[in-house]
C-alpha atoms as a PDB file:
ATOM      1  CA  ASN A   1      32.446 -23.879  12.610  1.00  0.00           C
ATOM      2  CA  ALA A   2      31.815 -24.250   8.855  1.00  0.00           C
ATOM      3  CA  ARG A   3      28.701 -24.080   6.710  1.00  0.00           C
ATOM      4  CA  ALA A   4      27.775 -24.158   3.039  1.00  0.00           C
ATOM      5  CA  GLU A   5      24.655 -24.307   0.872  1.00  0.00           C
ATOM      6  CA  VAL A   6      24.520 -27.496  -1.193  1.00  0.00           C
ATOM      7  CA  ASP A   7      22.173 -28.151  -4.155  1.00  0.00           C
ATOM      8  CA  LEU A   8      21.167 -31.815  -4.194  1.00  0.00           C
ATOM      9  CA  THR A   9      18.465 -31.572  -6.854  1.00  0.00           C
ATOM     10  CA  GLY A  10      20.791 -33.209  -9.379  1.00  0.00           C
ATOM     11  CA  GLY A  11      21.887 -36.033  -7.089  1.00  0.00           C
ATOM     12  CA  ASP A  12      24.844 -36.582  -4.799  1.00  0.00           C
ATOM     13  CA  VAL A  13      27.634 -34.053  -4.414  1.00  0.00           C
ATOM     14  CA  ASP A  14      31.207 -35.342  -4.380  1.00  0.00           C
ATOM     15  CA  GLY A  15      34.328 -33.584  -3.237  1.00  0.00           C
ATOM     16  CA  LEU A  16      32.612 -31.075  -0.966  1.00  0.00           C
ATOM     17  CA  LEU A  17      35.177 -29.206   1.126  1.00  0.00           C
ATOM     18  CA  LEU A  18      34.192 -27.116   4.136  1.00  0.00           C
ATOM     19  CA  ASN A  19      36.718 -24.606   5.406  1.00  0.00           C
ATOM     20  CA  PRO A  20      36.299 -23.769   9.112  1.00  0.00           C
ATOM     21  CA  GLN A  21      35.402 -20.135   9.733  1.00  0.00           C
ATOM     22  CA  PRO A  22      36.510 -18.164  12.765  1.00  0.00           C
ATOM     23  CA  GLU A  23      33.781 -17.666  15.343  1.00  0.00           C
ATOM     24  CA  ARG A  24      32.826 -14.160  16.476  1.00  0.00           C
ATOM     25  CA  GLU A  25      32.375 -12.958  20.028  1.00  0.00           C
ATOM     26  CA  LEU A  26      30.736  -9.695  21.019  1.00  0.00           C
ATOM     27  CA  ARG A  27      30.102  -7.973  24.352  1.00  0.00           C
ATOM     28  CA  ILE A  28      27.174  -5.547  24.354  1.00  0.00           C
ATOM     29  CA  SER A  29      26.271  -2.804  26.833  1.00  0.00           C
ATOM     30  CA  VAL A  30      22.663  -1.656  27.258  1.00  0.00           C
ATOM     31  CA  THR A  31      21.371   1.830  28.068  1.00  0.00           C
ATOM     32  CA  GLY A  32      17.826   2.979  28.829  1.00  0.00           C
ATOM     33  CA  ASP A  33      15.386   1.388  31.247  1.00  0.00           C
ATOM     34  CA  ALA A  34      16.508  -2.222  30.856  1.00  0.00           C
ATOM     35  CA  THR A  35      14.814  -3.582  33.991  1.00  0.00           C
ATOM     36  CA  ASP A  36      12.596  -5.863  31.895  1.00  0.00           C
ATOM     37  CA  LEU A  37      15.302  -6.911  29.445  1.00  0.00           C
ATOM     38  CA  ARG A  38      15.684 -10.680  29.850  1.00  0.00           C
ATOM     39  CA  GLY A  39      18.384 -11.258  27.258  1.00  0.00           C
ATOM     40  CA  LEU A  40      19.695 -10.465  23.790  1.00  0.00           C
ATOM     41  CA  GLN A  41      19.673 -12.639  20.704  1.00  0.00           C
ATOM     42  CA  MET A  42      21.117 -12.551  17.202  1.00  0.00           C
ATOM     43  CA  ARG A  43      19.086 -13.464  14.104  1.00  0.00           C
ATOM     44  CA  ASP A  44      20.663 -14.102  10.699  1.00  0.00           C
ATOM     45  CA  THR A  45      19.412 -11.413   8.274  1.00  0.00           C
ATOM     46  CA  ALA A  46      19.515 -13.787   5.291  1.00  0.00           C
ATOM     47  CA  THR A  47      17.658 -16.759   6.788  1.00  0.00           C
ATOM     48  CA  GLY A  48      15.846 -15.430   9.846  1.00  0.00           C
ATOM     49  CA  ASN A  49      17.418 -18.224  11.913  1.00  0.00           C
ATOM     50  CA  LEU A  50      18.214 -17.582  15.559  1.00  0.00           C
ATOM     51  CA  GLU A  51      21.978 -17.969  15.956  1.00  0.00           C
ATOM     52  CA  GLY A  52      22.877 -16.854  19.483  1.00  0.00           C
ATOM     53  CA  VAL A  53      21.273 -15.917  22.801  1.00  0.00           C
ATOM     54  CA  SER A  54      22.845 -14.241  25.843  1.00  0.00           C
ATOM     55  CA  GLN A  55      21.644 -13.536  29.352  1.00  0.00           C
ATOM     56  CA  ARG A  56      22.905 -10.667  31.480  1.00  0.00           C
ATOM     57  CA  THR A  57      26.430 -11.200  32.846  1.00  0.00           C
ATOM     58  CA  ALA A  58      27.619 -10.277  36.336  1.00  0.00           C
ATOM     59  CA  ASN A  59      28.743  -6.792  35.237  1.00  0.00           C
ATOM     60  CA  GLY A  60      25.408  -6.032  33.529  1.00  0.00           C
ATOM     61  CA  SER A  61      26.574  -6.490  29.939  1.00  0.00           C
ATOM     62  CA  TYR A  62      25.664  -9.264  27.498  1.00  0.00           C
ATOM     63  CA  LEU A  63      28.098 -11.659  25.805  1.00  0.00           C
ATOM     64  CA  LEU A  64      27.284 -13.311  22.483  1.00  0.00           C
ATOM     65  CA  SER A  65      29.769 -15.899  21.264  1.00  0.00           C
ATOM     66  CA  GLY A  66      30.106 -18.728  18.756  1.00  0.00           C
ATOM     67  CA  LEU A  67      28.728 -16.659  15.874  1.00  0.00           C
ATOM     68  CA  ALA A  68      29.764 -17.412  12.310  1.00  0.00           C
ATOM     69  CA  PRO A  69      30.789 -14.439  10.124  1.00  0.00           C
ATOM     70  CA  GLY A  70      27.657 -12.771   8.777  1.00  0.00           C
ATOM     71  CA  GLU A  71      25.060 -10.027   9.256  1.00  0.00           C
ATOM     72  CA  TYR A  72      22.706 -10.266  12.241  1.00  0.00           C
ATOM     73  CA  TRP A  73      19.717  -8.456  13.671  1.00  0.00           C
ATOM     74  CA  LEU A  74      20.206  -7.830  17.362  1.00  0.00           C
ATOM     75  CA  GLU A  75      16.948  -8.319  19.282  1.00  0.00           C
ATOM     76  CA  PRO A  76      15.723  -8.578  22.874  1.00  0.00           C
ATOM     77  CA  THR A  77      14.351 -11.922  24.019  1.00  0.00           C
ATOM     78  CA  GLY A  78      10.704 -11.895  25.040  1.00  0.00           C
ATOM     79  CA  ASN A  79       8.274  -9.099  24.172  1.00  0.00           C
ATOM     80  CA  GLN A  80       8.765  -6.673  27.058  1.00  0.00           C
ATOM     81  CA  GLY A  81      10.526  -4.064  24.935  1.00  0.00           C
ATOM     82  CA  PHE A  82      12.587  -3.399  21.820  1.00  0.00           C
ATOM     83  CA  LEU A  83      16.004  -2.074  20.825  1.00  0.00           C
ATOM     84  CA  LYS A  84      15.608   1.453  19.464  1.00  0.00           C
ATOM     85  CA  ASN A  85      19.163   2.078  18.321  1.00  0.00           C
ATOM     86  CA  LEU A  86      22.609   0.493  18.098  1.00  0.00           C
ATOM     87  CA  GLU A  87      26.147   1.861  18.099  1.00  0.00           C
ATOM     88  CA  SER A  88      29.082  -0.303  17.080  1.00  0.00           C
ATOM     89  CA  ASP A  89      32.618   1.024  17.621  1.00  0.00           C
ATOM     90  CA  GLY A  90      31.074   4.465  18.137  1.00  0.00           C
ATOM     91  CA  ARG A  91      29.118   4.480  14.865  1.00  0.00           C
ATOM     92  CA  ALA A  92      25.336   4.246  14.536  1.00  0.00           C
ATOM     93  CA  ARG A  93      24.108   1.161  12.713  1.00  0.00           C
ATOM     94  CA  PRO A  94      20.742   1.020  10.871  1.00  0.00           C
ATOM     95  CA  ASP A  95      17.963  -1.243  12.102  1.00  0.00           C
ATOM     96  CA  THR A  96      20.072  -2.816  14.880  1.00  0.00           C
ATOM     97  CA  ILE A  97      22.024  -4.796  12.273  1.00  0.00           C
ATOM     98  CA  LEU A  98      25.522  -5.936  13.203  1.00  0.00           C
ATOM     99  CA  ASP A  99      27.981  -6.735  10.422  1.00  0.00           C
ATOM    100  CA  LEU A 100      30.269  -9.542  11.613  1.00  0.00           C
ATOM    101  CA  ARG A 101      31.478 -10.615   8.178  1.00  0.00           C
ATOM    102  CA  ALA A 102      35.000  -9.240   8.422  1.00  0.00           C
ATOM    103  CA  ALA A 103      35.535  -9.148  12.198  1.00  0.00           C
ATOM    104  CA  SER A 104      33.772  -8.481  15.478  1.00  0.00           C
ATOM    105  CA  PRO A 105      33.528  -4.822  16.522  1.00  0.00           C
ATOM    106  CA  GLY A 106      35.438  -3.888  19.640  1.00  0.00           C
ATOM    107  CA  SER A 107      32.265  -2.768  21.393  1.00  0.00           C
ATOM    108  CA  ALA A 108      28.548  -2.314  20.883  1.00  0.00           C
ATOM    109  CA  VAL A 109      25.932  -0.310  22.800  1.00  0.00           C
ATOM    110  CA  VAL A 110      22.145  -0.612  22.404  1.00  0.00           C
ATOM    111  CA  THR A 111      19.268   1.366  23.896  1.00  0.00           C
ATOM    112  CA  PHE A 112      16.317  -0.586  25.259  1.00  0.00           C
ATOM    113  CA  SER A 113      12.820   0.908  25.253  1.00  0.00           C
ATOM    114  CA  ARG A 114       9.339  -0.186  26.355  1.00  0.00           C
ATOM    115  CA  ARG A 115       7.508   2.612  24.526  1.00  0.00           C
ATOM    116  CA  PHE A 116       5.642   0.509  21.963  1.00  0.00           C
ATOM    117  CA  ALA A 117       3.277   1.821  19.299  1.00  0.00           C
ATOM    118  CA  GLN A 118      -0.248   0.523  18.616  1.00  0.00           C
ATOM    119  CA  VAL A 119      -2.351   0.255  15.478  1.00  0.00           C
ATOM    120  CA  ALA A 120      -6.125  -0.288  15.555  1.00  0.00           C
ATOM    121  CA  GLY A 121      -8.906   0.054  13.053  1.00  0.00           C
ATOM    122  CA  SER A 122     -11.430  -1.774  10.937  1.00  0.00           C
ATOM    123  CA  VAL A 123     -11.607  -4.123   7.980  1.00  0.00           C
ATOM    124  CA  GLU A 124     -13.985  -3.313   5.120  1.00  0.00           C
ATOM    125  CA  HIS A 125     -16.673  -5.780   4.034  1.00  0.00           C
ATOM    126  CA  THR A 126     -16.246  -8.466   6.711  1.00  0.00           C
ATOM    127  CA  GLY A 127     -18.928 -10.842   7.919  1.00  0.00           C
ATOM    128  CA  GLY A 128     -18.173 -13.852   5.720  1.00  0.00           C
ATOM    129  CA  ALA A 129     -18.131 -17.471   6.825  1.00  0.00           C
ATOM    130  CA  LEU A 130     -14.388 -17.449   7.534  1.00  0.00           C
ATOM    131  CA  ALA A 131     -12.495 -15.504  10.194  1.00  0.00           C
ATOM    132  CA  THR A 132     -10.373 -12.520   9.157  1.00  0.00           C
ATOM    133  CA  THR A 133      -6.808 -12.120  10.411  1.00  0.00           C
ATOM    134  CA  VAL A 134      -4.844  -8.869  10.262  1.00  0.00           C
ATOM    135  CA  VAL A 135      -1.219  -9.684   9.502  1.00  0.00           C
ATOM    136  CA  CYS A 136       1.459  -7.080  10.210  1.00  0.00           C
ATOM    137  CA  VAL A 137       4.758  -7.416   8.336  1.00  0.00           C
ATOM    138  CA  ASP A 138       7.877  -5.432   9.217  1.00  0.00           C
ATOM    139  CA  GLN A 139       8.996  -3.936   5.900  1.00  0.00           C
ATOM    140  CA  GLU A 140      12.596  -3.636   7.066  1.00  0.00           C
ATOM    141  CA  ARG A 141      12.748  -7.403   7.580  1.00  0.00           C
ATOM    142  CA  SER A 142      11.008  -8.614   4.462  1.00  0.00           C
ATOM    143  CA  ARG A 143      13.769 -11.168   3.867  1.00  0.00           C
ATOM    144  CA  ILE A 144      12.633 -13.071   6.945  1.00  0.00           C
ATOM    145  CA  GLU A 145       9.701 -15.416   6.331  1.00  0.00           C
ATOM    146  CA  GLU A 146       7.784 -14.599   9.456  1.00  0.00           C
ATOM    147  CA  ILE A 147       4.804 -12.690  10.776  1.00  0.00           C
ATOM    148  CA  GLY A 148       5.701  -9.733  12.949  1.00  0.00           C
ATOM    149  CA  VAL A 149       2.325  -9.446  14.709  1.00  0.00           C
ATOM    150  CA  ALA A 150      -1.120 -10.840  13.879  1.00  0.00           C
ATOM    151  CA  ALA A 151      -4.580 -10.257  15.362  1.00  0.00           C
ATOM    152  CA  LYS A 152      -8.086 -11.551  14.696  1.00  0.00           C
ATOM    153  CA  ALA A 153     -10.689  -9.053  13.548  1.00  0.00           C
ATOM    154  CA  ASP A 154     -14.017  -9.342  15.380  1.00  0.00           C
ATOM    155  CA  GLN A 155     -17.407  -9.817  13.699  1.00  0.00           C
ATOM    156  CA  ALA A 156     -17.678  -6.063  13.161  1.00  0.00           C
ATOM    157  CA  GLY A 157     -14.238  -5.990  11.510  1.00  0.00           C
ATOM    158  CA  GLN A 158     -12.491  -4.228  14.394  1.00  0.00           C
ATOM    159  CA  PHE A 159      -8.884  -5.161  15.224  1.00  0.00           C
ATOM    160  CA  HIS A 160      -6.100  -4.028  17.558  1.00  0.00           C
ATOM    161  CA  LEU A 161      -2.346  -4.594  17.149  1.00  0.00           C
ATOM    162  CA  GLU A 162      -0.320  -3.978  20.309  1.00  0.00           C
ATOM    163  CA  LYS A 163       3.368  -3.815  21.167  1.00  0.00           C
ATOM    164  CA  LEU A 164       4.707  -2.667  17.803  1.00  0.00           C
ATOM    165  CA  PRO A 165       8.245  -1.289  17.860  1.00  0.00           C
ATOM    166  CA  PRO A 166       8.553   1.998  15.947  1.00  0.00           C
ATOM    167  CA  GLY A 167       8.986   1.344  12.245  1.00  0.00           C
ATOM    168  CA  ARG A 168       7.370   0.844   8.848  1.00  0.00           C
ATOM    169  CA  TYR A 169       4.844  -1.944   8.446  1.00  0.00           C
ATOM    170  CA  ARG A 170       2.486  -3.348   5.842  1.00  0.00           C
ATOM    171  CA  LEU A 171      -0.918  -4.628   6.987  1.00  0.00           C
ATOM    172  CA  PHE A 172      -2.948  -7.389   5.320  1.00  0.00           C
ATOM    173  CA  ALA A 173      -6.534  -8.304   6.304  1.00  0.00           C
ATOM    174  CA  ILE A 174      -6.907 -11.905   5.089  1.00  0.00           C
ATOM    175  CA  GLU A 175     -10.060 -13.991   5.187  1.00  0.00           C
ATOM    176  CA  GLY A 176      -9.381 -17.668   5.940  1.00  0.00           C
ATOM    177  CA  PHE A 177      -5.736 -16.953   6.754  1.00  0.00           C
ATOM    178  CA  ASP A 178      -3.520 -19.976   7.563  1.00  0.00           C
ATOM    179  CA  GLU A 179      -0.275 -19.088   9.344  1.00  0.00           C
ATOM    180  CA  ASP A 180       1.365 -22.334   8.199  1.00  0.00           C
ATOM    181  CA  LEU A 181       1.030 -21.191   4.573  1.00  0.00           C
ATOM    182  CA  TRP A 182       2.443 -17.707   5.115  1.00  0.00           C
ATOM    183  CA  GLY A 183       5.763 -17.375   3.319  1.00  0.00           C
ATOM    184  CA  GLY A 184       8.299 -14.780   2.375  1.00  0.00           C
ATOM    185  CA  PRO A 185       8.260 -11.630   0.257  1.00  0.00           C
ATOM    186  CA  GLU A 186       6.794 -13.338  -2.843  1.00  0.00           C
ATOM    187  CA  LEU A 187       3.442 -14.013  -1.172  1.00  0.00           C
ATOM    188  CA  ALA A 188       3.372 -10.569   0.429  1.00  0.00           C
ATOM    189  CA  ALA A 189       4.080  -9.037  -3.006  1.00  0.00           C
ATOM    190  CA  ALA A 190       1.213 -11.000  -4.571  1.00  0.00           C
ATOM    191  CA  LEU A 191      -1.164  -9.485  -2.006  1.00  0.00           C
ATOM    192  CA  ALA A 192       0.411  -6.025  -1.810  1.00  0.00           C
ATOM    193  CA  GLY A 193      -2.288  -4.351  -3.930  1.00  0.00           C
ATOM    194  CA  LYS A 194      -4.820  -4.833  -1.113  1.00  0.00           C
ATOM    195  CA  SER A 195      -2.517  -4.014   1.783  1.00  0.00           C
ATOM    196  CA  VAL A 196      -1.907  -0.754   3.637  1.00  0.00           C
ATOM    197  CA  ALA A 197       1.482   0.723   4.608  1.00  0.00           C
ATOM    198  CA  VAL A 198       1.771   2.409   7.979  1.00  0.00           C
ATOM    199  CA  GLU A 199       4.632   4.043   9.889  1.00  0.00           C
ATOM    200  CA  VAL A 200       4.541   4.463  13.668  1.00  0.00           C
ATOM    201  CA  ALA A 201       6.737   6.160  16.270  1.00  0.00           C
ATOM    202  CA  GLU A 202       7.226   5.472  19.976  1.00  0.00           C
ATOM    203  CA  ASP A 203       3.998   5.713  22.030  1.00  0.00           C
ATOM    204  CA  GLN A 204       2.015   6.478  18.860  1.00  0.00           C
ATOM    205  CA  ARG A 205      -1.514   5.102  18.322  1.00  0.00           C
ATOM    206  CA  LYS A 206      -2.831   5.003  14.770  1.00  0.00           C
ATOM    207  CA  GLN A 207      -6.215   4.199  13.267  1.00  0.00           C
ATOM    208  CA  VAL A 208      -6.405   2.589   9.804  1.00  0.00           C
ATOM    209  CA  THR A 209      -9.018   1.036   7.547  1.00  0.00           C
ATOM    210  CA  LEU A 210      -8.002  -2.084   5.620  1.00  0.00           C
ATOM    211  CA  PRO A 211      -9.488  -3.595   2.465  1.00  0.00           C
ATOM    212  CA  LEU A 212     -10.456  -7.247   2.842  1.00  0.00           C
ATOM    213  CA  ILE A 213      -8.417  -9.905   1.032  1.00  0.00           C
ATOM    214  CA  THR A 214     -11.097 -12.515   0.448  1.00  0.00           C
ATOM    215  CA  ALA A 215     -10.561 -16.254   0.841  1.00  0.00           C
ATOM    216  CA  ASP A 216     -10.648 -16.583  -2.972  1.00  0.00           C
ATOM    217  CA  GLU A 217      -7.979 -13.893  -3.371  1.00  0.00           C
ATOM    218  CA  TRP A 218      -5.871 -15.567  -0.663  1.00  0.00           C
ATOM    219  CA  ASP A 219      -6.129 -18.939  -2.478  1.00  0.00           C
ATOM    220  CA  LYS A 220      -5.266 -17.301  -5.802  1.00  0.00           C
ATOM    221  CA  ALA A 221      -2.131 -15.686  -4.317  1.00  0.00           C
ATOM    222  CA  LEU A 222      -1.063 -19.013  -2.842  1.00  0.00           C
ATOM    223  CA  ARG A 223      -1.387 -20.693  -6.245  1.00  0.00           C
ATOM    224  CA  LYS A 224       0.521 -17.841  -7.891  1.00  0.00           C
ATOM    225  CA  VAL A 225       3.585 -18.482  -5.706  1.00  0.00           C
ATOM    226  CA  GLY A 226       3.296 -22.247  -6.078  1.00  0.00           C
ATOM    227  CA  MET A 227       1.727 -23.146  -2.742  1.00  0.00           C
END
């Protein structure tokens, strides 16, 4: 298993040498009410790419193998719950991140929870010709170019975001939103002035009011980041 980033903007690359890297294997135990846990997966923190998936083994643990050295977010498959904490070799790790750059830890334990948070509220000054979408971005994972959760606001500007794991989020209410154009942190930063930060805990329900990012402002931000 070997990988490398190659810049081909200047033409062909000659003499490229790939050195095989040792693959990592990790067995993970799960605590908490894991009845609904279907499997575990690893996502590369730098790219957001899914790199490994494991189903439950006969002894109730999960085995992830064939991983290249790197840093990974450990996540549950499906949306029935979330991982609330992680211990690797007896030490707590932040944000369920596993560091497999040097070697695989001898053991890892995660706690599974189904106690999601919810955020609901309203968008100011809606009622235009285009639909408004509330986009929720996980601030801990801003390197990943993805939408955490999104919901349509109704004609009165009301919205409801369900099944949010505890954490810190930034909410954007965008008129004429196109998911295919949503990118990484640069676009979020261009729109940050009309977003709202929110932090939620397990089982918490919060109400917020969001300023509207108009279709013109959305188009302007897209042009600013070259889209």
